[in-house]
């Protein structure tokens, strides 16, 4: 029984959809990406082609040198942070410099997403 539960949990983490489930991701050492979603953070090795595919898809906006946010998951902007849910959890926020934050707001409003 315990093995089944472990396998179920493992499948949840292996079968997430980056474009659909991820709030943001951070690129680490070559091949290592840390994905951050609603209830999890997952570090995963991916190929350069996979990473380039996520970046060029148009779904993710670069917010600093190594962090990309899913523009469909942005909920609000608060005091230099991009927020992805209504909780005050720092895990669901990404700090962004003021000048970069203004550019992101402009990019989202130009694409039809309400400026927050």
C-alpha atoms as a PDB file:
ATOM      1  CA  UNK A   1       0.000   0.000   0.000  1.00  0.00           C
ATOM      2  CA  UNK A   2       2.722   2.463   0.909  1.00  0.00           C
ATOM      3  CA  UNK A   3       4.485   1.793  -2.391  1.00  0.00           C
ATOM      4  CA  UNK A   4       1.349   2.744  -4.336  1.00  0.00           C
ATOM      5  CA  UNK A   5       1.113   6.066  -2.491  1.00  0.00           C
ATOM      6  CA  UNK A   6       4.779   6.773  -3.170  1.00  0.00           C
ATOM      7  CA  UNK A   7       4.275   5.971  -6.862  1.00  0.00           C
ATOM      8  CA  UNK A   8       1.186   8.225  -7.011  1.00  0.00           C
ATOM      9  CA  UNK A   9       3.111  11.132  -5.486  1.00  0.00           C
ATOM     10  CA  UNK A  10       6.019  10.549  -7.825  1.00  0.00           C
ATOM     11  CA  UNK A  11       3.673  10.621 -10.839  1.00  0.00           C
ATOM     12  CA  UNK A  12       2.151  13.944  -9.754  1.00  0.00           C
ATOM     13  CA  UNK A  13       5.595  15.526  -9.756  1.00  0.00           C
ATOM     14  CA  UNK A  14       6.727  13.924 -12.991  1.00  0.00           C
ATOM     15  CA  UNK A  15       3.562  14.640 -14.976  1.00  0.00           C
ATOM     16  CA  UNK A  16       3.084  18.355 -14.385  1.00  0.00           C
ATOM     17  CA  UNK A  17       2.639  20.554 -17.450  1.00  0.00           C
ATOM     18  CA  UNK A  18       5.022  23.496 -17.435  1.00  0.00           C
ATOM     19  CA  UNK A  19       2.818  25.871 -19.440  1.00  0.00           C
ATOM     20  CA  UNK A  20      -0.328  24.964 -17.493  1.00  0.00           C
ATOM     21  CA  UNK A  21       0.849  24.312 -13.915  1.00  0.00           C
ATOM     22  CA  UNK A  22       3.950  26.407 -13.267  1.00  0.00           C
ATOM     23  CA  UNK A  23       3.885  29.925 -11.789  1.00  0.00           C
ATOM     24  CA  UNK A  24       7.548  30.559 -12.540  1.00  0.00           C
ATOM     25  CA  UNK A  25      10.843  28.797 -13.076  1.00  0.00           C
ATOM     26  CA  UNK A  26      14.468  29.586 -12.297  1.00  0.00           C
ATOM     27  CA  UNK A  27      17.391  28.423 -14.356  1.00  0.00           C
ATOM     28  CA  UNK A  28      20.322  27.117 -12.317  1.00  0.00           C
ATOM     29  CA  UNK A  29      23.446  25.299 -13.362  1.00  0.00           C
ATOM     30  CA  UNK A  30      23.364  24.020 -16.940  1.00  0.00           C
ATOM     31  CA  UNK A  31      20.432  21.683 -17.397  1.00  0.00           C
ATOM     32  CA  UNK A  32      18.940  22.266 -13.926  1.00  0.00           C
ATOM     33  CA  UNK A  33      15.676  24.195 -13.653  1.00  0.00           C
ATOM     34  CA  UNK A  34      13.617  24.819 -10.531  1.00  0.00           C
ATOM     35  CA  UNK A  35       9.888  24.878 -11.300  1.00  0.00           C
ATOM     36  CA  UNK A  36       7.520  26.573  -8.832  1.00  0.00           C
ATOM     37  CA  UNK A  37       3.812  25.805  -8.871  1.00  0.00           C
ATOM     38  CA  UNK A  38       0.848  26.152  -6.575  1.00  0.00           C
ATOM     39  CA  UNK A  39       1.756  23.404  -4.120  1.00  0.00           C
ATOM     40  CA  UNK A  40       5.253  22.388  -5.071  1.00  0.00           C
ATOM     41  CA  UNK A  41       8.770  23.274  -6.099  1.00  0.00           C
ATOM     42  CA  UNK A  42      10.504  20.786  -8.361  1.00  0.00           C
ATOM     43  CA  UNK A  43      14.115  20.768  -9.481  1.00  0.00           C
ATOM     44  CA  UNK A  44      14.530  18.934 -12.729  1.00  0.00           C
ATOM     45  CA  UNK A  45      17.216  18.385 -15.337  1.00  0.00           C
ATOM     46  CA  UNK A  46      15.993  19.411 -18.781  1.00  0.00           C
ATOM     47  CA  UNK A  47      17.659  19.737 -22.152  1.00  0.00           C
ATOM     48  CA  UNK A  48      18.690  23.050 -23.657  1.00  0.00           C
ATOM     49  CA  UNK A  49      16.067  22.463 -26.349  1.00  0.00           C
ATOM     50  CA  UNK A  50      13.306  22.070 -23.729  1.00  0.00           C
ATOM     51  CA  UNK A  51      14.406  25.228 -21.934  1.00  0.00           C
ATOM     52  CA  UNK A  52      14.569  27.208 -25.171  1.00  0.00           C
ATOM     53  CA  UNK A  53      11.112  25.918 -26.075  1.00  0.00           C
ATOM     54  CA  UNK A  54       9.643  27.241 -22.797  1.00  0.00           C
ATOM     55  CA  UNK A  55      11.382  30.592 -23.189  1.00  0.00           C
ATOM     56  CA  UNK A  56      10.417  31.070 -26.841  1.00  0.00           C
ATOM     57  CA  UNK A  57       6.806  29.910 -26.348  1.00  0.00           C
ATOM     58  CA  UNK A  58       5.681  33.428 -25.430  1.00  0.00           C
ATOM     59  CA  UNK A  59       4.063  32.182 -22.202  1.00  0.00           C
ATOM     60  CA  UNK A  60       6.962  33.181 -19.965  1.00  0.00           C
ATOM     61  CA  UNK A  61       8.360  36.636 -19.276  1.00  0.00           C
ATOM     62  CA  UNK A  62      11.944  37.080 -18.119  1.00  0.00           C
ATOM     63  CA  UNK A  63      11.975  38.998 -14.827  1.00  0.00           C
ATOM     64  CA  UNK A  64      15.696  38.773 -14.080  1.00  0.00           C
ATOM     65  CA  UNK A  65      18.771  36.948 -15.301  1.00  0.00           C
ATOM     66  CA  UNK A  66      17.563  33.489 -14.335  1.00  0.00           C
ATOM     67  CA  UNK A  67      13.831  33.726 -13.560  1.00  0.00           C
ATOM     68  CA  UNK A  68      10.853  33.512 -15.905  1.00  0.00           C
ATOM     69  CA  UNK A  69       7.209  33.966 -14.851  1.00  0.00           C
ATOM     70  CA  UNK A  70       4.165  32.424 -16.503  1.00  0.00           C
ATOM     71  CA  UNK A  71       2.234  35.480 -17.690  1.00  0.00           C
ATOM     72  CA  UNK A  72      -1.054  33.540 -17.519  1.00  0.00           C
ATOM     73  CA  UNK A  73      -0.553  32.915 -13.793  1.00  0.00           C
ATOM     74  CA  UNK A  74       0.248  36.502 -12.680  1.00  0.00           C
ATOM     75  CA  UNK A  75      -2.447  37.629 -10.264  1.00  0.00           C
ATOM     76  CA  UNK A  76      -1.162  40.981  -9.016  1.00  0.00           C
ATOM     77  CA  UNK A  77       1.791  43.261  -8.375  1.00  0.00           C
ATOM     78  CA  UNK A  78       2.575  44.372  -4.823  1.00  0.00           C
ATOM     79  CA  UNK A  79       5.546  46.382  -3.514  1.00  0.00           C
ATOM     80  CA  UNK A  80       8.048  45.119  -6.078  1.00  0.00           C
ATOM     81  CA  UNK A  81       6.675  41.586  -6.169  1.00  0.00           C
ATOM     82  CA  UNK A  82       4.762  39.603  -8.748  1.00  0.00           C
ATOM     83  CA  UNK A  83       2.118  37.559  -6.914  1.00  0.00           C
ATOM     84  CA  UNK A  84       0.562  34.323  -8.123  1.00  0.00           C
ATOM     85  CA  UNK A  85      -2.065  33.659  -5.457  1.00  0.00           C
ATOM     86  CA  UNK A  86      -3.922  35.453  -2.687  1.00  0.00           C
ATOM     87  CA  UNK A  87      -1.804  34.125   0.180  1.00  0.00           C
ATOM     88  CA  UNK A  88       1.056  36.129   1.617  1.00  0.00           C
ATOM     89  CA  UNK A  89       3.405  33.213   1.015  1.00  0.00           C
ATOM     90  CA  UNK A  90       6.798  34.332  -0.246  1.00  0.00           C
ATOM     91  CA  UNK A  91       7.010  31.066  -2.178  1.00  0.00           C
ATOM     92  CA  UNK A  92       4.268  32.347  -4.463  1.00  0.00           C
ATOM     93  CA  UNK A  93       5.906  35.708  -5.145  1.00  0.00           C
ATOM     94  CA  UNK A  94       8.872  36.809  -7.229  1.00  0.00           C
ATOM     95  CA  UNK A  95      10.792  39.990  -6.443  1.00  0.00           C
ATOM     96  CA  UNK A  96      11.269  42.269  -9.437  1.00  0.00           C
ATOM     97  CA  UNK A  97      13.115  45.589  -9.736  1.00  0.00           C
ATOM     98  CA  UNK A  98      10.874  48.628 -10.211  1.00  0.00           C
ATOM     99  CA  UNK A  99      12.031  49.378 -13.749  1.00  0.00           C
ATOM    100  CA  UNK A 100      11.589  45.752 -14.823  1.00  0.00           C
ATOM    101  CA  UNK A 101       8.192  45.561 -13.094  1.00  0.00           C
ATOM    102  CA  UNK A 102       6.889  48.506 -15.099  1.00  0.00           C
ATOM    103  CA  UNK A 103       8.008  46.828 -18.328  1.00  0.00           C
ATOM    104  CA  UNK A 104       6.239  43.612 -17.343  1.00  0.00           C
ATOM    105  CA  UNK A 105       3.032  45.508 -16.534  1.00  0.00           C
ATOM    106  CA  UNK A 106       3.216  47.211 -19.932  1.00  0.00           C
ATOM    107  CA  UNK A 107       3.821  43.886 -21.675  1.00  0.00           C
ATOM    108  CA  UNK A 108       0.857  42.239 -19.954  1.00  0.00           C
ATOM    109  CA  UNK A 109      -1.520  45.134 -20.619  1.00  0.00           C
ATOM    110  CA  UNK A 110      -0.438  45.251 -24.290  1.00  0.00           C
ATOM    111  CA  UNK A 111      -1.361  41.582 -24.564  1.00  0.00           C
ATOM    112  CA  UNK A 112      -4.820  42.147 -23.184  1.00  0.00           C
ATOM    113  CA  UNK A 113      -4.229  41.110 -19.584  1.00  0.00           C
ATOM    114  CA  UNK A 114      -5.433  43.815 -17.212  1.00  0.00           C
ATOM    115  CA  UNK A 115      -2.700  45.930 -15.643  1.00  0.00           C
ATOM    116  CA  UNK A 116      -2.734  45.116 -11.982  1.00  0.00           C
END
